[in-house]
């Protein structure tokens, strides 16, 4: 797109050049009255250029100030003096640039707020710190986990990972040594219960600064679930083995009972044997049930 706002400084420059040439010609030919008028015109054009440059520089400084401090709503570029001193095309382009920058900044701010809200919503404690131990950020889950386990005021908002020593004596050392892909388990006592925390980390670099993200997840419920599942598997195996062992015994006692009744011999002995077999059968059926 052709920059039409360059016409004003170009016209002023051409006018100054023309006045200088005219003044030189009048001085050579001795037209002193016209020379005085030409000098005045030259000075007037030079002053106009001077004012244009000063106002342009002031407007540019205000534009840079608005970008640097993100003062879009109270931008001085929209002032009456700037509108009178600069071409409308230049003011429109500067204002459009500010609006574009403002929209991009709002989009980035919205995205940052979205990710912060997402990080605060999850129930995994997240710590962000530098390799030298300076704490950069922690989500709400980390504040609840650390803050609920101690009455130390400094631990409520830790500035360094060394401040986490009252929470767990081994945690600062593990955080200093934590590398991407590492996984370790911490056991802490909170009130009347012991909980296990899975500590893992990752590293990333932003704007030339190296940061480490550490996550602490409560795996106590997961361990309880796995333990319960293991017990259920064991009970199923034991039940299967007991059934496989007792069912043949019950079948054999029933078979022996029928055969004893068909045998000839002392009735008292046969009665005792049948009672013993019936006892075995009853106990076996009880175990099966």
Protein backbone atom coordinates (compact mmCIF):
# COMPACT_ATOMS: atom_id res chain seq x y z
CA UNK A 1 0.00 0.00 0.00
CA UNK A 2 1.38 3.42 -0.98
CA UNK A 3 2.20 5.64 1.99
CA UNK A 4 0.25 8.84 1.24
CA UNK A 5 1.32 10.48 4.50
CA UNK A 6 4.81 11.06 3.04
CA UNK A 7 3.43 13.83 0.81
CA UNK A 8 3.51 16.49 3.56
CA UNK A 9 7.22 16.20 4.45
CA UNK A 10 8.07 15.87 0.76
CA UNK A 11 6.14 19.07 -0.09
CA UNK A 12 7.80 20.95 2.76
CA UNK A 13 11.23 19.78 1.63
CA UNK A 14 10.57 20.82 -1.96
CA UNK A 15 9.26 24.20 -0.76
CA UNK A 16 12.42 24.78 1.31
CA UNK A 17 14.63 23.82 -1.61
CA UNK A 18 12.72 26.15 -3.94
CA UNK A 19 12.95 29.02 -1.46
CA UNK A 20 16.70 28.49 -1.10
CA UNK A 21 17.20 28.55 -4.87
CA UNK A 22 15.00 31.62 -5.25
CA UNK A 23 16.87 33.43 -2.48
CA UNK A 24 20.20 32.61 -4.08
CA UNK A 25 19.04 33.90 -7.48
CA UNK A 26 17.64 37.13 -6.03
CA UNK A 27 20.87 37.72 -4.13
CA UNK A 28 22.92 37.29 -7.32
CA UNK A 29 20.81 39.74 -9.31
CA UNK A 30 20.55 42.36 -6.55
CA UNK A 31 16.75 42.28 -5.94
CA UNK A 32 17.10 43.09 -2.28
CA UNK A 33 13.44 43.76 -1.50
CA UNK A 34 12.39 40.48 -3.06
CA UNK A 35 15.40 38.90 -1.37
CA UNK A 36 14.10 39.92 2.05
CA UNK A 37 10.70 38.48 1.27
CA UNK A 38 12.30 35.27 0.00
CA UNK A 39 14.42 34.98 3.14
CA UNK A 40 11.32 35.37 5.29
CA UNK A 41 9.56 32.69 3.28
CA UNK A 42 12.58 30.41 3.61
CA UNK A 43 12.64 30.92 7.35
CA UNK A 44 8.90 30.25 7.54
CA UNK A 45 9.22 26.98 5.61
CA UNK A 46 12.22 25.96 7.72
CA UNK A 47 10.22 26.69 10.89
CA UNK A 48 7.31 24.64 9.54
CA UNK A 49 9.68 21.73 8.89
CA UNK A 50 11.15 22.15 12.35
CA UNK A 51 7.69 22.04 13.97
CA UNK A 52 6.73 19.03 11.83
CA UNK A 53 9.85 17.15 12.90
CA UNK A 54 9.34 17.99 16.58
CA UNK A 55 5.69 16.95 16.55
CA UNK A 56 6.50 13.79 14.62
CA UNK A 57 9.24 12.94 17.11
CA UNK A 58 6.85 13.65 20.01
CA UNK A 59 4.14 11.50 18.47
CA UNK A 60 6.63 8.70 17.81
CA UNK A 61 7.86 8.90 21.42
CA UNK A 62 4.26 8.72 22.62
CA UNK A 63 3.66 5.74 20.34
CA UNK A 64 6.69 3.91 21.76
CA UNK A 65 5.57 4.81 25.29
CA UNK A 66 2.12 3.36 24.63
CA UNK A 67 3.63 0.11 23.29
CA UNK A 68 6.17 -0.22 26.10
CA UNK A 69 3.70 0.30 28.95
CA UNK A 70 0.64 -1.15 27.20
CA UNK A 71 -1.32 2.07 27.71
CA UNK A 72 -3.74 1.58 24.84
CA UNK A 73 -6.89 3.09 26.25
CA UNK A 74 -5.19 6.31 27.32
CA UNK A 75 -2.86 6.50 24.33
CA UNK A 76 -1.65 10.11 23.77
CA UNK A 77 -1.66 9.47 20.03
CA UNK A 78 -5.38 10.10 20.04
CA UNK A 79 -4.81 13.64 21.38
CA UNK A 80 -5.96 16.70 19.47
CA UNK A 81 -2.47 18.12 19.08
CA UNK A 82 -1.21 14.97 17.35
CA UNK A 83 -4.21 14.90 15.05
CA UNK A 84 -3.58 18.51 14.03
CA UNK A 85 0.17 18.11 13.54
CA UNK A 86 0.41 14.79 11.70
CA UNK A 87 -1.31 13.50 8.55
CA UNK A 88 -4.47 11.47 9.21
CA UNK A 89 -3.01 8.53 7.26
CA UNK A 90 0.01 8.30 9.58
CA UNK A 91 -2.16 8.59 12.68
CA UNK A 92 -4.49 5.90 11.36
CA UNK A 93 -1.62 3.48 10.71
CA UNK A 94 -0.10 4.12 14.13
CA UNK A 95 -3.48 3.57 15.78
CA UNK A 96 -4.02 0.39 13.76
CA UNK A 97 -0.62 -0.89 14.87
CA UNK A 98 -1.54 -0.22 18.50
CA UNK A 99 -4.87 -1.99 18.10
CA UNK A 100 -3.15 -5.01 16.53
CA UNK A 101 -0.63 -5.14 19.36
CA UNK A 102 -3.41 -4.76 21.93
CA UNK A 103 -5.41 -7.63 20.44
CA UNK A 104 -2.36 -9.91 20.41
CA UNK A 105 -1.52 -8.97 23.98
CA UNK A 106 -5.08 -9.65 25.14
CA UNK A 107 -5.02 -13.01 23.36
CA UNK A 108 -1.76 -13.98 25.10
CA UNK A 109 -3.09 -12.79 28.46
CA UNK A 110 -6.27 -14.82 27.97
CA UNK A 111 -4.24 -17.88 27.05
CA UNK A 112 -2.03 -17.41 30.13
CA UNK A 113 -5.06 -17.07 32.40
CA UNK A 114 -6.56 -20.19 30.82
CA UNK A 115 -3.48 -22.32 31.49
CA UNK A 116 -3.12 -20.93 35.02
CA UNK A 117 -6.75 -21.78 35.76
CA UNK A 118 -6.23 -25.24 34.28
CA UNK A 119 -3.08 -25.80 36.38
CA UNK A 120 -4.88 -24.61 39.52
CA UNK A 121 -7.86 -26.87 38.85
CA UNK A 122 -5.99 -30.19 38.72
CA UNK A 123 -5.37 -32.05 41.98
CA UNK A 124 -1.66 -32.65 41.30
CA UNK A 125 0.76 -30.37 43.17
CA UNK A 126 3.00 -28.49 40.70
CA UNK A 127 6.15 -26.53 41.58
CA UNK A 128 8.12 -24.40 39.11
CA UNK A 129 11.63 -23.36 40.14
CA UNK A 130 15.06 -22.51 38.74
CA UNK A 131 18.10 -24.81 39.04
CA UNK A 132 19.53 -22.57 41.78
CA UNK A 133 16.43 -23.20 43.92
CA UNK A 134 14.41 -20.01 43.40
CA UNK A 135 10.68 -20.76 43.49
CA UNK A 136 8.89 -19.26 40.48
CA UNK A 137 5.31 -20.52 40.83
CA UNK A 138 3.15 -23.16 42.50
CA UNK A 139 -0.46 -24.08 41.88
CA UNK A 140 -3.28 -24.16 44.39
CA UNK A 141 -2.98 -27.92 44.94
CA UNK A 142 0.65 -27.49 46.00
CA UNK A 143 -0.31 -24.65 48.37
CA UNK A 144 -3.02 -26.78 49.94
CA UNK A 145 -0.76 -29.82 50.26
CA UNK A 146 2.19 -27.95 51.75
CA UNK A 147 0.24 -25.41 53.76
CA UNK A 148 -2.10 -27.93 55.39
CA UNK A 149 0.81 -29.98 56.72
CA UNK A 150 2.53 -27.20 58.66
CA UNK A 151 1.91 -23.99 60.57
CA UNK A 152 5.12 -22.39 59.31
CA UNK A 153 4.22 -19.01 57.77
CA UNK A 154 7.31 -19.01 55.50
CA UNK A 155 6.20 -22.35 54.12
CA UNK A 156 2.81 -20.97 53.10
CA UNK A 157 4.49 -18.95 50.32
CA UNK A 158 8.00 -20.42 49.89
CA UNK A 159 10.54 -18.31 48.02
CA UNK A 160 13.11 -21.08 47.70
CA UNK A 161 12.87 -24.85 47.67
CA UNK A 162 14.99 -24.89 50.83
CA UNK A 163 11.92 -23.45 52.59
CA UNK A 164 10.18 -26.80 52.02
CA UNK A 165 12.42 -28.55 54.57
CA UNK A 166 9.76 -28.41 57.35
CA UNK A 167 7.29 -30.09 55.01
CA UNK A 168 9.68 -32.99 54.28
CA UNK A 169 13.34 -33.13 55.15
CA UNK A 170 14.30 -34.97 51.94
CA UNK A 171 12.20 -32.90 49.53
CA UNK A 172 14.67 -29.99 48.91
CA UNK A 173 17.51 -32.41 48.14
CA UNK A 174 15.34 -34.42 45.78
CA UNK A 175 14.19 -31.25 44.00
CA UNK A 176 17.79 -30.08 43.49
CA UNK A 177 18.71 -33.46 41.97
CA UNK A 178 15.47 -33.88 40.03
CA UNK A 179 15.95 -34.46 36.30
CA UNK A 180 13.55 -34.95 33.43
CA UNK A 181 12.05 -38.42 33.58
CA UNK A 182 13.04 -39.09 37.22
CA UNK A 183 10.46 -40.67 39.51
CA UNK A 184 10.64 -41.15 43.26
CA UNK A 185 8.20 -41.74 46.11
CA UNK A 186 7.94 -39.63 49.28
CA UNK A 187 6.03 -40.77 52.35
CA UNK A 188 4.75 -38.00 54.59
CA UNK A 189 2.56 -37.92 57.68
CA UNK A 190 -0.42 -35.59 57.52
CA UNK A 191 -2.51 -35.42 60.66
CA UNK A 192 -3.27 -39.06 61.53
CA UNK A 193 -2.50 -40.68 58.21
CA UNK A 194 0.50 -41.50 56.07
CA UNK A 195 0.33 -40.63 52.38
CA UNK A 196 2.65 -41.46 49.52
CA UNK A 197 3.62 -38.82 46.94
CA UNK A 198 5.03 -39.67 43.52
CA UNK A 199 7.62 -37.00 42.62
CA UNK A 200 8.45 -36.49 38.93
CA UNK A 201 9.92 -33.63 36.92
CA UNK A 202 10.63 -32.09 33.54
CA UNK A 203 12.87 -29.28 32.29
CA UNK A 204 12.24 -26.51 29.77
CA UNK A 205 13.78 -23.21 28.72
CA UNK A 206 11.81 -19.98 28.22
CA UNK A 207 13.40 -16.71 27.12
CA UNK A 208 16.84 -18.12 27.83
CA UNK A 209 15.94 -19.12 31.42
CA UNK A 210 16.03 -22.76 32.44
CA UNK A 211 13.10 -23.86 34.59
CA UNK A 212 12.18 -27.14 36.24
CA UNK A 213 8.63 -28.38 36.77
CA UNK A 214 8.12 -30.82 39.63
CA UNK A 215 4.82 -32.60 40.19
CA UNK A 216 3.76 -34.39 43.36
CA UNK A 217 0.81 -36.75 43.04
CA UNK A 218 -0.89 -38.47 45.94
CA UNK A 219 -0.76 -42.18 45.09
CA UNK A 220 -2.08 -43.40 48.45
CA UNK A 221 -5.54 -44.12 47.07
CA UNK A 222 -4.01 -45.77 44.01
CA UNK A 223 -1.87 -48.00 46.23
CA UNK A 224 -4.93 -48.89 48.33
CA UNK A 225 -6.82 -49.75 45.19
CA UNK A 226 -3.98 -51.94 43.93
CA UNK A 227 -3.70 -53.65 47.32
CA UNK A 228 -7.43 -54.35 47.35
CA UNK A 229 -7.25 -55.72 43.83
CA UNK A 230 -4.33 -57.95 44.83
CA UNK A 231 -6.31 -59.32 47.78
CA UNK A 232 -9.29 -59.99 45.53
CA UNK A 233 -7.09 -61.91 43.09
CA UNK A 234 -5.61 -63.92 45.97
CA UNK A 235 -9.07 -64.74 47.34
CA UNK A 236 -10.25 -65.88 43.91
CA UNK A 237 -7.20 -68.13 43.56
CA UNK A 238 -7.63 -69.58 47.05
CA UNK A 239 -11.35 -70.13 46.46
CA UNK A 240 -10.63 -71.93 43.21
CA UNK A 241 -8.00 -74.14 44.82
CA UNK A 242 -10.19 -74.94 47.84
CA UNK A 243 -13.13 -75.81 45.58
CA UNK A 244 -10.94 -78.06 43.47
CA UNK A 245 -9.72 -79.84 46.61
CA UNK A 246 -13.00 -80.19 48.52
CA UNK A 247 -15.35 -81.16 45.69
CA UNK A 248 -13.60 -84.54 45.07
CA UNK A 249 -13.65 -85.25 48.82
CA UNK A 250 -17.42 -84.72 48.95
CA UNK A 251 -17.91 -86.90 45.90
CA UNK A 252 -15.77 -89.68 47.41
CA UNK A 253 -17.63 -89.59 50.74
CA UNK A 254 -20.96 -89.97 48.98
CA UNK A 255 -19.59 -92.85 46.92
CA UNK A 256 -18.15 -94.58 50.00
CA UNK A 257 -21.41 -94.10 51.86
CA UNK A 258 -23.31 -95.97 49.16
CA UNK A 259 -20.74 -98.74 49.06
CA UNK A 260 -20.68 -99.15 52.86
CA UNK A 261 -24.43 -99.69 52.90
CA UNK A 262 -24.06 -102.54 50.38
CA UNK A 263 -21.30 -104.33 52.34
CA UNK A 264 -22.04 -107.17 54.74
CA UNK A 265 -20.64 -107.04 58.24
CA UNK A 266 -21.09 -105.66 61.70
CA UNK A 267 -23.90 -103.09 61.64
CA UNK A 268 -22.36 -101.09 64.46
CA UNK A 269 -19.10 -100.65 62.59
CA UNK A 270 -20.96 -99.76 59.41
CA UNK A 271 -22.99 -97.16 61.33
CA UNK A 272 -19.88 -95.54 62.77
CA UNK A 273 -18.20 -95.41 59.34
CA UNK A 274 -21.34 -93.85 57.80
CA UNK A 275 -21.45 -91.21 60.56
CA UNK A 276 -17.80 -90.30 59.92
CA UNK A 277 -18.40 -90.08 56.17
CA UNK A 278 -21.49 -87.93 56.70
CA UNK A 279 -19.48 -85.64 59.00
CA UNK A 280 -16.81 -85.23 56.32
CA UNK A 281 -19.52 -84.54 53.72
CA UNK A 282 -21.21 -81.92 55.90
CA UNK A 283 -17.94 -80.11 56.65
CA UNK A 284 -17.02 -80.22 52.98
CA UNK A 285 -20.35 -78.76 51.90
CA UNK A 286 -19.99 -76.09 54.56
CA UNK A 287 -16.57 -75.09 53.23
CA UNK A 288 -17.92 -75.00 49.69
CA UNK A 289 -20.78 -72.70 50.71
